[in-house]
């Protein structure tokens, strides 16, 4: 959002920031997947099947964020390419 305020939204820096967001979101989902067996053991011990669904929500949310960031990254890369083509055409 800071790049948008400074009118630098269509820059290579914003593409790298989206790439970092995608990586961090995937890292969060991997960490939650790694913790899911422990949640499953606790849910099995306490006989609470809803706990597993609650454990899946952060995984789903972070994967959705990662996919959204990847799509935005690709669209932004294409927009930067089109903008540079238009800047060269006078």
Protein backbone atom coordinates (compact mmCIF):
# COMPACT_ATOMS: atom_id res chain seq x y z
CA UNK A 1 0.00 0.00 0.00
CA UNK A 2 2.94 2.29 0.60
CA UNK A 3 4.05 1.81 -2.99
CA UNK A 4 0.59 2.79 -4.22
CA UNK A 5 0.73 5.97 -2.12
CA UNK A 6 4.08 6.87 -3.70
CA UNK A 7 2.81 6.07 -7.24
CA UNK A 8 5.27 3.16 -7.52
CA UNK A 9 2.67 0.42 -7.83
CA UNK A 10 3.86 -0.68 -11.27
CA UNK A 11 7.49 -1.33 -10.42
CA UNK A 12 9.78 -4.31 -10.04
CA UNK A 13 9.83 -3.73 -6.30
CA UNK A 14 6.12 -4.47 -6.03
CA UNK A 15 6.65 -7.73 -7.93
CA UNK A 16 9.34 -8.78 -5.45
CA UNK A 17 7.10 -7.84 -2.53
CA UNK A 18 4.31 -10.01 -3.93
CA UNK A 19 6.82 -12.83 -4.37
CA UNK A 20 7.77 -12.52 -0.69
CA UNK A 21 4.12 -12.50 0.35
CA UNK A 22 3.56 -15.68 -1.65
CA UNK A 23 6.56 -17.39 -0.04
CA UNK A 24 5.57 -16.35 3.48
CA UNK A 25 1.99 -17.50 3.01
CA UNK A 26 3.19 -20.87 1.76
CA UNK A 27 5.57 -21.09 4.72
CA UNK A 28 2.71 -20.45 7.13
CA UNK A 29 0.63 -23.17 5.49
CA UNK A 30 3.54 -25.63 5.70
CA UNK A 31 3.98 -24.86 9.40
CA UNK A 32 0.28 -25.43 10.05
CA UNK A 33 0.38 -28.69 8.06
CA UNK A 34 3.32 -29.78 10.20
CA UNK A 35 1.33 -29.01 13.36
CA UNK A 36 -1.83 -30.74 12.12
CA UNK A 37 -0.91 -34.23 13.42
CA UNK A 38 -0.63 -32.79 16.93
CA UNK A 39 -4.03 -31.14 16.54
CA UNK A 40 -5.40 -34.47 15.33
CA UNK A 41 -4.01 -36.25 18.41
CA UNK A 42 -5.55 -33.66 20.73
CA UNK A 43 -8.89 -33.82 18.90
CA UNK A 44 -8.86 -37.63 19.07
CA UNK A 45 -8.02 -37.60 22.77
CA UNK A 46 -10.71 -35.05 23.65
CA UNK A 47 -13.22 -36.49 21.14
CA UNK A 48 -13.62 -33.11 19.41
CA UNK A 49 -13.85 -33.54 15.62
CA UNK A 50 -14.52 -29.82 15.12
CA UNK A 51 -10.98 -29.06 16.25
CA UNK A 52 -9.58 -30.57 13.07
CA UNK A 53 -11.77 -28.29 10.94
CA UNK A 54 -10.58 -25.32 12.96
CA UNK A 55 -7.01 -26.49 12.34
CA UNK A 56 -7.62 -26.61 8.59
CA UNK A 57 -8.90 -23.02 8.35
CA UNK A 58 -5.47 -21.30 8.65
CA UNK A 59 -4.03 -23.71 6.08
CA UNK A 60 -6.80 -22.92 3.62
CA UNK A 61 -6.55 -19.17 4.29
CA UNK A 62 -2.79 -19.03 3.76
CA UNK A 63 -3.01 -21.09 0.56
CA UNK A 64 -5.68 -18.71 -0.75
CA UNK A 65 -3.44 -15.74 0.06
CA UNK A 66 -0.50 -17.41 -1.69
CA UNK A 67 -2.55 -18.12 -4.83
CA UNK A 68 -3.93 -14.58 -4.85
CA UNK A 69 -0.42 -13.13 -4.49
CA UNK A 70 0.85 -15.37 -7.31
CA UNK A 71 -1.94 -14.24 -9.62
CA UNK A 72 -1.35 -10.59 -8.75
CA UNK A 73 2.38 -11.05 -9.29
CA UNK A 74 1.83 -12.47 -12.77
CA UNK A 75 -0.69 -9.76 -13.69
CA UNK A 76 1.59 -7.03 -12.38
CA UNK A 77 4.56 -8.41 -14.31
CA UNK A 78 2.46 -8.35 -17.50
CA UNK A 79 1.23 -4.82 -16.73
CA UNK A 80 4.80 -3.61 -16.23
CA UNK A 81 5.78 -5.19 -19.55
CA UNK A 82 2.85 -3.52 -21.34
CA UNK A 83 3.64 -0.19 -19.66
CA UNK A 84 7.27 -0.37 -20.78
CA UNK A 85 6.15 -1.20 -24.32
CA UNK A 86 3.80 1.78 -24.28
CA UNK A 87 6.51 4.07 -22.92
CA UNK A 88 8.77 3.13 -25.81
CA UNK A 89 6.01 3.78 -28.35
CA UNK A 90 5.67 7.53 -28.88
